[in-house]
Amino acid sequence: MYRLMIVDDERHIVDWLYELFMDTPNLELDIVKAYSGNEALLKLEASKFDVVLSDIRMPGMSGLELMEQIKMSWPGCKIVFLTGYNDFDYIYNAVKQNGVSYLLKTEDDEEIVDAVRQAIAALEQELGNRLLRSRALEREELVAHLMRKELLLDVIDGKVRLADADRGWLDKLAIPFDEERPVLLLFGRVHGGIAGEDYSEKFLSIRGLSSLTGQYISSIATHVLVDIDKFDFLWLLQPTAELISNNSASDSDDKPWRKTAQFVKGMLETLQIASEEALETKISLVLYDQPVPWPSIQEKCDLLKSVADIRIHSPKGMPIVCTISADEASELDAANKLAVDGSLYARKTAVLQDYLEQGLRKEFFEKLDEVDEGLKHVSRMRDLSATQVYYTISLLFLTYINRNRIADKLAERISLNKLIPSNGFDSWRESFDYLRELGSAVFALKEDELTIREDELIERIKAFVRGNLHGELTLVRISEKVNYNPSYVSRFFKQATGMNLFEFINKARIGKAKELLEEGSRPIQEIARAAGFDSPQYFATAFKKTTGMTPNEYRNQLS
């Protein structure tokens, strides 16, 4: 879904255009209104917009001044100027910029809608061009990639310090960071694609993903992408030196990191789409938007993995984008520490661990059956090799159970007493039957809780809408309240309910209006405002479109 902002100092023009685009079929837009250039600028600083439809002459901040700010903050944003002035100088100064077009307010509604459609088509064309360029990138040497990965993993693990490495060597490995400054962390988990490739092919895909990242964020941040295991990736990001140097003495020290986090957050959905189209890889992303000192990267990486285990699963198969706040991080830190001791053992069965965390039931049990098959020849319960295998898998389960704090819920489905020690069984066959049964219980619980969480998300969205009908209900505002990416909220709500989110909002507003009409004789204008409609005229149009009656006709037929 693309985001459109309508800007004009004449309120009735903004409201007319809002109604025009809301009533246009086959054009799904998240539409935000602004009644001045300054109000538009505040909203542009808070989130990304794809298209801005603006008057060119406005008091305070003109359309041209607003355009300059837009190009600095969101260079890919398309601008359509709509004005009543046939002023050559203004028109010339506007349209000589890339991504800017011009219309008179006297144009037909269809022409105005078509101009926005063309802007969206241009965005899609540019995305396609970026994908073609990324596919044409030359292969870099695999050894340089592996050395960069090895060095950064050692730094993350605390084995070496980046500051101790030769700067020339770091430049050769394309590691641009200043270890004296913190980093932002972006965690990614792939769903197929890269994960299923051999390493030489995987390297090319990683290179492509890193290149895509650079195309979108290199103007504001330096970055390096590290594949930390089969399914998981970690981006390390720092604000550019230019951004840091532009920070004034009156600004807080963390402003460049906050600005970088906001920019990256706005580009994640685009990166996700580009990854799927260019690399045929679906990827979910979790951004930790607080600056992280280098000694704390491993701890925060474990935290992001925990968030991924909780959030990056969907029975409906949709990759997601989300952000973790400092408060949520503090809440999860304690749970992570419970899993530390078991993690070294779980790495011996990394594939099983990956499948468990990814929710891949079929693949998990196929691999478990392979391990079981390899132990068929073992008859002695004291066999050390079999004992090692059993404890490795049982520790994998313990790590997962502790990390996700599901022991109590799981105990309602299966006894955990036999998990440790292994001498509670009469044969290895019995022990593996137990592990298989435990695995079934874990996957069943995971699927049940995912369904519950998704049902809860839908109810939270609906409750927020019903409680704020009189206010601004944009997709961004709703998404911020539930801590998920706007595009994911939009797609998930429609897939889960069969109804577009804005259809639900409109239905809830009409329902509220019906209640108020049934209660007494309040003026129609008051009822329209209380139900969240900006103008009585639009309220009357929307009410009749939904019910077949005007508000007054509906009220009269009740008596």
Protein backbone atom coordinates (compact mmCIF):
# COMPACT_ATOMS: atom_id res chain seq x y z
CA MET A 1 0.00 0.00 0.00
CA TYR A 2 1.35 3.42 -0.97
CA ARG A 3 1.12 6.49 1.27
CA LEU A 4 -0.34 9.73 -0.10
CA MET A 5 -0.28 13.12 1.66
CA ILE A 6 -2.66 15.87 0.50
CA VAL A 7 -1.48 19.41 1.34
CA ASP A 8 -3.42 22.65 0.86
CA ASP A 9 -4.16 25.69 3.01
CA GLU A 10 -7.78 25.56 1.81
CA ARG A 11 -9.49 22.98 4.01
CA HIS A 12 -12.33 22.27 1.59
CA ILE A 13 -9.82 21.41 -1.18
CA VAL A 14 -8.04 18.88 1.05
CA ASP A 15 -11.36 17.33 2.13
CA TRP A 16 -12.57 17.14 -1.49
CA LEU A 17 -9.39 15.41 -2.64
CA TYR A 18 -9.48 13.03 0.33
CA GLU A 19 -13.03 11.98 -0.58
CA LEU A 20 -12.05 11.69 -4.27
CA PHE A 21 -9.23 9.22 -3.58
CA MET A 22 -11.11 7.30 -0.87
CA ASP A 23 -13.92 6.68 -3.37
CA THR A 24 -11.59 5.69 -6.24
CA PRO A 25 -11.78 1.90 -6.86
CA ASN A 26 -8.64 -0.22 -7.38
CA LEU A 27 -6.37 2.37 -5.77
CA GLU A 28 -5.41 1.32 -2.24
CA LEU A 29 -3.85 4.30 -0.51
CA ASP A 30 -3.11 5.28 3.06
CA ILE A 31 -4.13 8.95 2.87
CA VAL A 32 -3.02 11.68 5.29
CA LYS A 33 -4.27 15.29 5.25
CA ALA A 34 -2.27 18.45 6.02
CA TYR A 35 -3.69 21.98 5.98
CA SER A 36 -0.37 23.83 5.69
CA GLY A 37 3.20 23.30 4.54
CA ASN A 38 4.44 23.33 8.14
CA GLU A 39 1.93 20.66 9.21
CA ALA A 40 2.98 18.54 6.22
CA LEU A 41 6.64 18.91 7.18
CA LEU A 42 5.97 17.65 10.72
CA LYS A 43 4.24 14.56 9.33
CA LEU A 44 7.03 13.96 6.82
CA GLU A 45 9.58 14.01 9.64
CA ALA A 46 7.59 11.33 11.47
CA SER A 47 7.16 8.82 8.65
CA LYS A 48 7.80 8.05 4.97
CA PHE A 49 5.41 9.09 2.19
CA ASP A 50 5.42 7.85 -1.40
CA VAL A 51 3.41 10.63 -3.08
CA VAL A 52 2.65 14.20 -1.98
CA LEU A 53 -0.22 16.06 -3.70
CA SER A 54 0.26 19.72 -2.78
CA ASP A 55 -0.81 23.26 -3.57
CA ILE A 56 2.15 25.22 -4.92
CA ARG A 57 1.30 28.61 -3.38
CA MET A 58 0.55 28.53 0.35
CA PRO A 59 1.11 31.03 3.17
CA GLY A 60 3.96 30.28 5.57
CA MET A 61 5.76 27.49 3.73
CA SER A 62 5.17 27.38 -0.02
CA GLY A 63 4.89 24.22 -2.06
CA LEU A 64 8.38 24.79 -3.52
CA GLU A 65 9.91 25.15 -0.03
CA LEU A 66 8.09 22.00 1.06
CA MET A 67 9.44 20.22 -2.04
CA GLU A 68 13.03 21.04 -1.05
CA GLN A 69 12.47 19.53 2.40
CA ILE A 70 10.84 16.43 0.92
CA LYS A 71 13.76 15.87 -1.45
CA MET A 72 16.22 16.05 1.44
CA SER A 73 14.30 13.66 3.73
CA TRP A 74 12.65 11.26 1.23
CA PRO A 75 14.40 11.67 -2.16
CA GLY A 76 12.31 8.93 -3.76
CA CYS A 77 8.99 10.65 -2.96
CA LYS A 78 6.95 11.80 -5.98
CA ILE A 79 5.34 15.26 -5.87
CA VAL A 80 2.26 16.38 -7.78
CA PHE A 81 1.60 20.11 -7.59
CA LEU A 82 -2.05 21.13 -7.87
CA THR A 83 -2.77 24.86 -8.07
CA GLY A 84 -5.13 27.47 -9.43
CA TYR A 85 -2.24 29.62 -10.66
CA ASN A 86 -1.08 29.35 -14.26
CA ASP A 87 2.26 30.92 -13.26
CA PHE A 88 5.10 30.02 -15.62
CA ASP A 89 7.93 30.78 -13.17
CA TYR A 90 6.39 28.65 -10.42
CA ILE A 91 5.63 25.84 -12.86
CA TYR A 92 9.15 25.93 -14.33
CA ASN A 93 10.86 25.85 -10.91
CA ALA A 94 8.71 22.90 -9.90
CA VAL A 95 8.77 20.58 -12.91
CA LYS A 96 12.50 20.90 -13.61
CA GLN A 97 12.99 18.67 -10.54
CA ASN A 98 12.91 14.90 -11.03
CA GLY A 99 9.77 13.19 -9.76
CA VAL A 100 7.65 16.38 -9.85
CA SER A 101 4.56 16.98 -12.00
CA TYR A 102 2.00 19.76 -12.25
CA LEU A 103 -1.79 20.08 -12.62
CA LEU A 104 -4.31 22.90 -12.48
CA LYS A 105 -7.13 22.65 -9.96
CA THR A 106 -9.52 23.11 -12.88
CA GLU A 107 -8.57 19.67 -14.24
CA ASP A 108 -11.18 16.90 -14.15
CA ASP A 109 -11.20 14.51 -11.20
CA GLU A 110 -10.04 11.75 -13.52
CA GLU A 111 -6.96 13.77 -14.54
CA ILE A 112 -6.00 14.31 -10.90
CA VAL A 113 -6.39 10.63 -10.04
CA ASP A 114 -4.44 9.69 -13.17
CA ALA A 115 -1.55 11.96 -12.12
CA VAL A 116 -1.25 10.08 -8.81
CA ARG A 117 -1.49 6.75 -10.65
CA GLN A 118 1.37 7.85 -12.91
CA ALA A 119 3.46 8.83 -9.86
CA ILE A 120 2.88 5.37 -8.36
CA ALA A 121 3.77 3.74 -11.71
CA ALA A 122 7.03 5.73 -11.71
CA LEU A 123 7.82 4.48 -8.20
CA GLU A 124 7.25 0.90 -9.31
CA GLN A 125 9.41 1.44 -12.42
CA GLU A 126 12.26 2.84 -10.30
CA LEU A 127 12.01 -0.14 -7.98
CA GLY A 128 12.25 -2.43 -11.01
CA ASN A 129 15.31 -0.57 -12.26
CA ARG A 130 17.00 -0.91 -8.89
CA LEU A 131 16.33 -4.63 -8.97
CA LEU A 132 17.86 -4.94 -12.45
CA ARG A 133 20.95 -3.02 -11.35
CA SER A 134 21.32 -5.20 -8.27
CA ARG A 135 21.18 -8.36 -10.42
CA ALA A 136 23.92 -6.97 -12.67
CA LEU A 137 26.38 -6.40 -9.82
CA GLU A 138 29.70 -8.16 -10.29
CA ARG A 139 30.68 -10.93 -7.93
CA GLU A 140 33.20 -9.97 -5.29
CA GLU A 141 35.77 -12.39 -4.06
CA LEU A 142 34.31 -14.97 -1.71
CA VAL A 143 37.42 -14.97 0.43
CA ALA A 144 36.98 -11.25 1.24
CA HIS A 145 33.42 -11.92 2.32
CA LEU A 146 34.42 -14.82 4.53
CA MET A 147 37.24 -12.85 6.16
CA ARG A 148 34.93 -9.91 6.82
CA LYS A 149 32.35 -12.23 8.31
CA GLU A 150 34.92 -14.03 10.49
CA LEU A 151 36.37 -10.77 11.81
CA LEU A 152 33.00 -9.21 12.61
CA LEU A 153 31.72 -12.37 14.33
CA ASP A 154 34.89 -12.38 16.47
CA VAL A 155 34.29 -8.71 17.30
CA ILE A 156 30.65 -9.40 18.19
CA ASP A 157 31.73 -12.35 20.37
CA GLY A 158 34.22 -10.09 22.15
CA LYS A 159 37.28 -12.09 20.98
CA VAL A 160 38.93 -9.12 19.25
CA ARG A 161 38.52 -5.34 19.12
CA LEU A 162 37.85 -3.56 15.86
CA ALA A 163 40.02 -0.69 17.08
CA ASP A 164 43.04 -3.05 17.16
CA ALA A 165 42.76 -3.89 13.44
CA ASP A 166 44.73 -1.99 10.81
CA ARG A 167 42.55 0.69 9.18
CA GLY A 168 43.88 -0.12 5.72
CA TRP A 169 42.96 -3.78 6.19
CA LEU A 170 39.46 -2.83 7.37
CA ASP A 171 39.02 -0.64 4.29
CA LYS A 172 39.97 -3.59 2.05
CA LEU A 173 37.35 -5.70 3.79
CA ALA A 174 34.78 -2.88 3.42
CA ILE A 175 34.29 -2.45 7.17
CA PRO A 176 33.66 1.31 7.56
CA PHE A 177 32.82 1.50 11.27
CA ASP A 178 34.22 3.62 14.08
CA GLU A 179 34.36 1.34 17.14
CA GLU A 180 34.24 4.37 19.43
CA ARG A 181 30.66 4.98 18.32
CA PRO A 182 27.67 2.65 18.85
CA VAL A 183 25.71 0.91 16.11
CA LEU A 184 22.10 0.20 15.24
CA LEU A 185 21.10 -3.44 14.76
CA LEU A 186 18.73 -4.77 12.12
CA PHE A 187 17.94 -8.49 12.38
CA GLY A 188 16.65 -10.45 9.39
CA ARG A 189 15.26 -13.96 9.09
CA VAL A 190 14.76 -15.47 5.64
CA HIS A 191 11.91 -17.75 4.59
CA GLY A 192 13.42 -19.98 1.92
CA GLY A 193 15.46 -18.59 -1.00
CA ILE A 194 18.92 -17.80 0.39
CA ALA A 195 18.58 -20.36 3.19
CA GLY A 196 18.27 -23.24 0.73
CA GLU A 197 21.31 -22.40 -1.42
CA ASP A 198 24.83 -23.82 -1.32
CA TYR A 199 27.33 -21.36 0.11
CA SER A 200 28.74 -20.04 -3.17
CA GLU A 201 25.24 -19.16 -4.34
CA LYS A 202 24.33 -17.92 -0.88
CA PHE A 203 27.30 -15.56 -0.97
CA LEU A 204 26.03 -13.99 -4.20
CA SER A 205 22.58 -13.58 -2.67
CA ILE A 206 24.05 -11.99 0.45
CA ARG A 207 26.05 -9.65 -1.77
CA GLY A 208 22.88 -8.73 -3.64
CA LEU A 209 20.97 -8.16 -0.39
CA SER A 210 23.79 -5.99 0.93
CA SER A 211 23.80 -4.03 -2.33
CA LEU A 212 20.04 -3.51 -2.15
CA THR A 213 20.46 -2.23 1.40
CA GLY A 214 23.08 0.24 0.26
CA GLN A 215 20.86 1.58 -2.51
CA TYR A 216 18.21 2.54 0.00
CA ILE A 217 20.15 3.68 3.09
CA SER A 218 23.70 4.62 2.01
CA SER A 219 22.75 8.31 1.94
CA ILE A 220 22.31 8.30 5.71
CA ALA A 221 24.13 5.24 7.12
CA THR A 222 27.12 2.98 6.60
CA HIS A 223 26.32 -0.71 6.94
CA VAL A 224 27.65 -4.25 6.83
CA LEU A 225 25.53 -7.39 6.52
CA VAL A 226 26.64 -10.55 8.37
CA ASP A 227 25.04 -13.97 7.97
CA ILE A 228 25.07 -15.28 11.54
CA ASP A 229 23.55 -18.66 10.71
CA LYS A 230 21.51 -20.45 8.06
CA PHE A 231 18.32 -18.41 8.37
CA ASP A 232 19.43 -15.31 10.29
CA PHE A 233 21.27 -12.14 9.27
CA LEU A 234 22.44 -9.08 11.14
CA TRP A 235 22.97 -5.61 9.72
CA LEU A 236 25.32 -3.32 11.64
CA LEU A 237 24.58 0.34 10.91
CA GLN A 238 26.15 3.67 11.83
CA PRO A 239 25.11 7.20 10.83
CA THR A 240 27.39 8.61 8.14
CA ALA A 241 30.24 10.87 9.25
CA GLU A 242 28.53 13.73 7.41
CA LEU A 243 25.30 13.23 9.37
CA ILE A 244 27.21 13.16 12.67
CA SER A 245 29.26 16.26 11.79
CA ASN A 246 26.08 18.17 10.89
CA ASN A 247 24.75 17.63 14.41
CA SER A 248 24.71 21.07 16.05
CA ALA A 249 25.87 21.80 19.59
CA SER A 250 22.26 22.39 20.66
CA ASP A 251 21.18 18.93 19.47
CA SER A 252 21.37 15.84 21.64
CA ASP A 253 24.28 13.47 20.96
CA ASP A 254 21.96 10.64 19.94
CA LYS A 255 20.05 12.68 17.32
CA PRO A 256 21.99 11.18 14.34
CA TRP A 257 21.13 7.67 15.60
CA ARG A 258 17.47 8.57 16.10
CA LYS A 259 17.30 10.09 12.62
CA THR A 260 19.03 7.06 11.12
CA ALA A 261 16.68 4.66 12.94
CA GLN A 262 13.64 6.61 11.69
CA PHE A 263 14.94 6.60 8.10
CA VAL A 264 15.82 2.89 8.14
CA LYS A 265 12.44 2.05 9.67
CA GLY A 266 10.75 3.86 6.79
CA MET A 267 12.76 1.91 4.18
CA LEU A 268 12.34 -1.61 5.59
CA GLU A 269 9.19 -2.46 3.68
CA THR A 270 10.84 -1.39 0.40
CA LEU A 271 13.88 -3.54 1.20
CA GLN A 272 11.59 -6.46 1.99
CA ILE A 273 9.77 -6.14 -1.36
CA ALA A 274 13.04 -5.74 -3.29
CA SER A 275 14.51 -8.83 -1.61
CA GLU A 276 11.54 -10.94 -2.63
CA GLU A 277 11.52 -9.70 -6.23
CA ALA A 278 15.27 -9.50 -6.89
CA LEU A 279 16.48 -12.47 -4.85
CA GLU A 280 13.28 -14.53 -4.68
CA THR A 281 13.71 -14.45 -0.93
CA LYS A 282 11.06 -13.52 1.62
CA ILE A 283 12.65 -11.90 4.63
CA SER A 284 11.25 -10.67 7.94
CA LEU A 285 13.00 -7.79 9.67
CA VAL A 286 13.29 -6.63 13.29
CA LEU A 287 14.90 -3.25 13.99
CA TYR A 288 16.37 -2.44 17.42
CA ASP A 289 16.12 1.34 17.26
CA GLN A 290 18.43 2.20 20.18
CA PRO A 291 22.21 2.76 19.75
CA VAL A 292 24.15 -0.33 20.93
CA PRO A 293 27.78 -0.16 22.20
CA TRP A 294 30.05 -2.75 20.59
CA PRO A 295 30.51 -4.86 23.77
CA SER A 296 26.70 -5.26 23.97
CA ILE A 297 26.08 -6.39 20.39
CA GLN A 298 26.08 -10.13 21.21
CA GLU A 299 23.57 -9.60 24.03
CA LYS A 300 21.25 -7.52 21.82
CA CYS A 301 21.62 -9.98 18.94
CA ASP A 302 20.38 -12.77 21.24
CA LEU A 303 17.53 -10.48 22.22
CA LEU A 304 16.58 -9.92 18.57
CA LYS A 305 16.61 -13.68 18.01
CA SER A 306 14.14 -14.06 20.87
CA VAL A 307 11.89 -11.40 19.36
CA ALA A 308 12.13 -13.22 16.03
CA ASP A 309 11.10 -16.51 17.67
CA ILE A 310 8.03 -14.77 19.10
CA ARG A 311 6.99 -12.53 16.23
CA ILE A 312 8.40 -13.87 12.98
CA HIS A 313 5.99 -16.73 12.55
CA SER A 314 2.72 -16.60 10.74
CA PRO A 315 0.48 -19.54 9.83
CA LYS A 316 -0.59 -17.35 6.93
CA GLY A 317 3.00 -17.29 5.63
CA MET A 318 3.51 -13.53 5.53
CA PRO A 319 6.94 -12.05 6.28
CA ILE A 320 6.77 -9.11 8.68
CA VAL A 321 8.61 -5.94 9.63
CA CYS A 322 8.60 -4.73 13.22
CA THR A 323 10.55 -2.63 15.69
CA ILE A 324 11.58 -3.49 19.25
CA SER A 325 11.56 -0.70 21.81
CA ALA A 326 13.91 -0.26 24.78
CA ASP A 327 11.08 -1.23 27.18
CA GLU A 328 10.40 -4.48 25.35
CA ALA A 329 14.14 -5.17 25.25
CA SER A 330 14.40 -4.89 29.03
CA GLU A 331 11.46 -7.23 29.48
CA LEU A 332 13.02 -9.92 27.28
CA ASP A 333 16.61 -9.67 28.52
CA ALA A 334 15.98 -11.84 31.58
CA ALA A 335 14.34 -14.56 29.48
CA ASN A 336 17.36 -14.63 27.15
CA LYS A 337 19.78 -15.28 29.98
CA LEU A 338 17.98 -18.53 30.82
CA ALA A 339 19.00 -19.92 27.44
CA VAL A 340 22.71 -19.05 27.49
CA ASP A 341 24.04 -22.24 29.10
CA GLY A 342 22.18 -24.51 26.72
CA SER A 343 23.06 -22.60 23.55
CA LEU A 344 26.54 -24.19 23.15
CA TYR A 345 25.01 -27.67 23.08
CA ALA A 346 22.17 -26.64 20.81
CA ARG A 347 24.65 -25.49 18.15
CA LYS A 348 25.64 -29.14 17.61
CA THR A 349 22.17 -29.67 16.19
CA ALA A 350 21.91 -26.30 14.46
CA VAL A 351 19.62 -27.61 11.73
CA LEU A 352 17.10 -28.97 14.22
CA GLN A 353 17.28 -25.71 16.16
CA ASP A 354 16.70 -23.70 12.98
CA TYR A 355 13.69 -25.79 12.03
CA LEU A 356 12.21 -25.50 15.53
CA GLU A 357 12.62 -21.73 15.65
CA GLN A 358 11.30 -21.35 12.09
CA GLY A 359 8.23 -23.40 12.92
CA LEU A 360 9.08 -25.92 10.15
CA ARG A 361 7.34 -29.00 11.60
CA LYS A 362 7.78 -31.33 8.62
CA GLU A 363 11.50 -30.59 8.19
CA PHE A 364 12.12 -30.89 11.94
CA PHE A 365 10.67 -34.39 12.19
CA GLU A 366 12.35 -35.55 8.98
CA LYS A 367 15.72 -34.55 10.43
CA LEU A 368 14.87 -36.09 13.83
CA ASP A 369 13.99 -39.34 12.07
CA GLU A 370 17.40 -39.26 10.34
CA VAL A 371 19.13 -38.98 13.73
CA ASP A 372 16.94 -41.74 15.13
CA GLU A 373 17.78 -43.98 12.18
CA GLY A 374 21.48 -43.52 12.87
CA LEU A 375 21.04 -44.84 16.44
CA LYS A 376 19.11 -47.99 15.56
CA HIS A 377 22.24 -50.11 16.05
CA VAL A 378 22.68 -48.89 19.65
CA SER A 379 21.39 -51.37 22.22
CA ARG A 380 23.14 -50.21 25.44
CA MET A 381 21.52 -47.35 27.31
CA ARG A 382 24.98 -46.34 28.59
CA ASP A 383 26.35 -45.79 25.08
CA LEU A 384 28.16 -42.45 25.27
CA SER A 385 27.54 -41.43 21.64
CA ALA A 386 23.80 -42.00 21.97
CA THR A 387 23.80 -40.20 25.32
CA GLN A 388 25.52 -37.21 23.73
CA VAL A 389 22.94 -37.09 20.92
CA TYR A 390 20.03 -37.33 23.35
CA TYR A 391 21.37 -34.61 25.64
CA THR A 392 22.15 -32.35 22.70
CA ILE A 393 18.55 -32.57 21.48
CA SER A 394 17.06 -32.33 24.96
CA LEU A 395 19.16 -29.23 25.65
CA LEU A 396 17.88 -27.79 22.38
CA PHE A 397 14.35 -28.24 23.70
CA LEU A 398 15.27 -26.81 27.09
CA THR A 399 16.82 -23.75 25.45
CA TYR A 400 13.70 -23.15 23.40
CA ILE A 401 11.31 -23.77 26.32
CA ASN A 402 13.22 -21.45 28.67
CA ARG A 403 13.73 -18.73 26.10
CA ASN A 404 10.04 -18.63 25.25
CA ARG A 405 8.88 -19.25 28.85
CA ILE A 406 6.43 -21.99 27.86
CA ALA A 407 7.29 -24.66 30.46
CA ASP A 408 4.04 -24.31 32.40
CA LYS A 409 1.85 -24.33 29.31
CA LEU A 410 3.79 -27.25 27.80
CA ALA A 411 3.54 -29.27 31.01
CA GLU A 412 -0.25 -29.29 30.54
CA ARG A 413 0.26 -31.27 27.34
CA ILE A 414 3.21 -33.56 28.14
CA SER A 415 5.35 -34.48 31.14
CA LEU A 416 8.74 -32.76 31.12
CA ASN A 417 10.20 -35.00 33.84
CA LYS A 418 11.80 -37.35 31.31
CA LEU A 419 13.54 -34.64 29.33
CA ILE A 420 16.54 -34.79 31.70
CA PRO A 421 17.94 -37.32 32.67
CA SER A 422 17.91 -39.86 29.86
CA ASN A 423 18.10 -42.91 32.18
CA GLY A 424 14.33 -42.79 32.68
CA PHE A 425 13.90 -44.89 29.52
CA ASP A 426 14.27 -48.60 28.86
CA SER A 427 15.56 -48.16 25.29
CA TRP A 428 16.78 -45.51 22.88
CA ARG A 429 13.68 -46.20 20.81
CA GLU A 430 11.56 -45.14 23.79
CA SER A 431 13.70 -42.05 24.36
CA PHE A 432 13.32 -40.90 20.77
CA ASP A 433 9.59 -41.61 20.84
CA TYR A 434 9.48 -39.23 23.80
CA LEU A 435 11.50 -36.58 21.92
CA ARG A 436 9.16 -36.97 18.97
CA GLU A 437 6.11 -36.58 21.22
CA LEU A 438 7.69 -33.56 22.90
CA GLY A 439 8.37 -32.00 19.50
CA SER A 440 4.73 -32.48 18.49
CA ALA A 441 3.61 -30.80 21.71
CA VAL A 442 5.98 -27.86 21.19
CA PHE A 443 4.84 -27.27 17.61
CA ALA A 444 1.17 -27.58 18.59
CA LEU A 445 1.63 -25.06 21.41
CA LYS A 446 3.56 -22.71 19.09
CA GLU A 447 0.77 -22.82 16.48
CA ASP A 448 -1.95 -22.30 19.09
CA GLU A 449 -0.16 -19.31 20.61
CA LEU A 450 0.50 -17.79 17.19
CA THR A 451 -3.20 -18.01 16.42
CA ILE A 452 -4.04 -16.43 19.79
CA ARG A 453 -1.51 -13.61 19.25
CA GLU A 454 -2.89 -12.89 15.80
CA ASP A 455 -6.46 -12.89 17.13
CA GLU A 456 -5.33 -10.53 19.88
CA LEU A 457 -3.69 -8.25 17.29
CA ILE A 458 -6.95 -8.03 15.33
CA GLU A 459 -8.88 -7.23 18.53
CA ARG A 460 -6.32 -4.56 19.53
CA ILE A 461 -6.68 -2.92 16.11
CA LYS A 462 -10.48 -3.03 16.29
CA ALA A 463 -10.54 -1.73 19.87
CA PHE A 464 -8.26 1.19 18.99
CA VAL A 465 -10.40 2.08 15.98
CA ARG A 466 -13.65 1.95 17.98
CA GLY A 467 -12.13 4.04 20.76
CA ASN A 468 -10.78 6.72 18.43
CA LEU A 469 -13.47 7.16 15.78
CA HIS A 470 -13.54 10.91 16.35
CA GLY A 471 -9.77 11.25 15.72
CA GLU A 472 -7.32 10.72 12.87
CA LEU A 473 -7.24 7.03 12.01
CA THR A 474 -4.38 6.70 9.55
CA LEU A 475 -2.67 3.40 8.90
CA VAL A 476 0.56 4.74 10.41
CA ARG A 477 -1.12 5.85 13.64
CA ILE A 478 -2.89 2.50 14.08
CA SER A 479 0.33 0.59 13.31
CA GLU A 480 2.31 2.57 15.87
CA LYS A 481 -0.23 1.67 18.55
CA VAL A 482 0.16 -2.07 17.89
CA ASN A 483 3.95 -1.91 17.16
CA TYR A 484 3.87 -3.44 13.69
CA ASN A 485 4.76 -2.18 10.22
CA PRO A 486 1.87 -0.36 8.43
CA SER A 487 1.98 -2.57 5.34
CA TYR A 488 1.90 -5.74 7.47
CA VAL A 489 -1.06 -4.42 9.50
CA SER A 490 -2.95 -3.59 6.31
CA ARG A 491 -2.29 -6.94 4.60
CA PHE A 492 -2.77 -9.00 7.75
CA PHE A 493 -6.05 -7.32 8.73
CA LYS A 494 -7.52 -7.91 5.28
CA GLN A 495 -6.32 -11.52 5.16
CA ALA A 496 -7.59 -12.26 8.66
CA THR A 497 -10.98 -10.52 8.39
CA GLY A 498 -11.68 -10.47 4.68
CA MET A 499 -12.18 -6.71 4.99
CA ASN A 500 -9.95 -3.76 4.09
CA LEU A 501 -8.92 -1.85 7.25
CA PHE A 502 -10.40 1.38 5.94
CA GLU A 503 -13.64 -0.43 5.14
CA PHE A 504 -13.76 -1.51 8.79
CA ILE A 505 -13.08 2.07 9.94
CA ASN A 506 -15.86 3.37 7.71
CA LYS A 507 -18.22 0.62 8.89
CA ALA A 508 -17.42 1.42 12.55
CA ARG A 509 -18.01 5.12 11.96
CA ILE A 510 -21.34 4.46 10.25
CA GLY A 511 -22.28 2.14 13.14
CA LYS A 512 -21.42 4.88 15.64
CA ALA A 513 -23.47 7.37 13.65
CA LYS A 514 -26.47 5.00 13.68
CA GLU A 515 -26.24 4.73 17.46
CA LEU A 516 -26.18 8.51 17.84
CA LEU A 517 -29.06 8.95 15.39
CA GLU A 518 -31.10 6.45 17.37
CA GLU A 519 -30.41 8.16 20.70
CA GLY A 520 -32.20 11.44 20.02
CA SER A 521 -32.19 14.67 18.09
CA ARG A 522 -28.55 15.76 18.08
CA PRO A 523 -27.68 17.91 15.06
CA ILE A 524 -26.34 15.98 12.07
CA GLN A 525 -23.17 18.10 12.12
CA GLU A 526 -22.38 17.04 15.70
CA ILE A 527 -23.05 13.39 14.91
CA ALA A 528 -20.76 13.58 11.86
CA ARG A 529 -17.95 15.02 14.02
CA ALA A 530 -18.45 12.47 16.82
CA ALA A 531 -18.31 9.60 14.31
CA GLY A 532 -15.07 10.91 12.79
CA PHE A 533 -16.28 12.51 9.56
CA ASP A 534 -14.57 15.80 8.66
CA SER A 535 -17.58 17.32 6.95
CA PRO A 536 -21.37 16.81 7.13
CA GLN A 537 -21.45 16.55 3.33
CA TYR A 538 -19.01 13.65 3.22
CA PHE A 539 -20.82 12.04 6.17
CA ALA A 540 -24.14 12.22 4.31
CA THR A 541 -22.57 10.77 1.15
CA ALA A 542 -20.84 7.91 3.00
CA PHE A 543 -23.93 7.15 5.12
CA LYS A 544 -26.20 6.92 2.11
CA LYS A 545 -23.68 4.83 0.19
CA THR A 546 -23.62 2.32 3.07
CA THR A 547 -27.28 2.32 4.19
CA GLY A 548 -29.18 3.52 1.14
CA MET A 549 -30.60 6.42 3.20
CA THR A 550 -29.51 9.88 4.25
CA PRO A 551 -28.93 10.38 8.00
CA ASN A 552 -32.23 12.27 8.30
CA GLU A 553 -34.12 9.57 6.41
CA TYR A 554 -32.61 6.94 8.73
CA ARG A 555 -33.65 8.92 11.81
CA ASN A 556 -37.17 9.56 10.48
CA GLN A 557 -37.83 5.89 9.71
CA LEU A 558 -37.10 5.05 13.36
CA SER A 559 -40.04 7.11 14.63
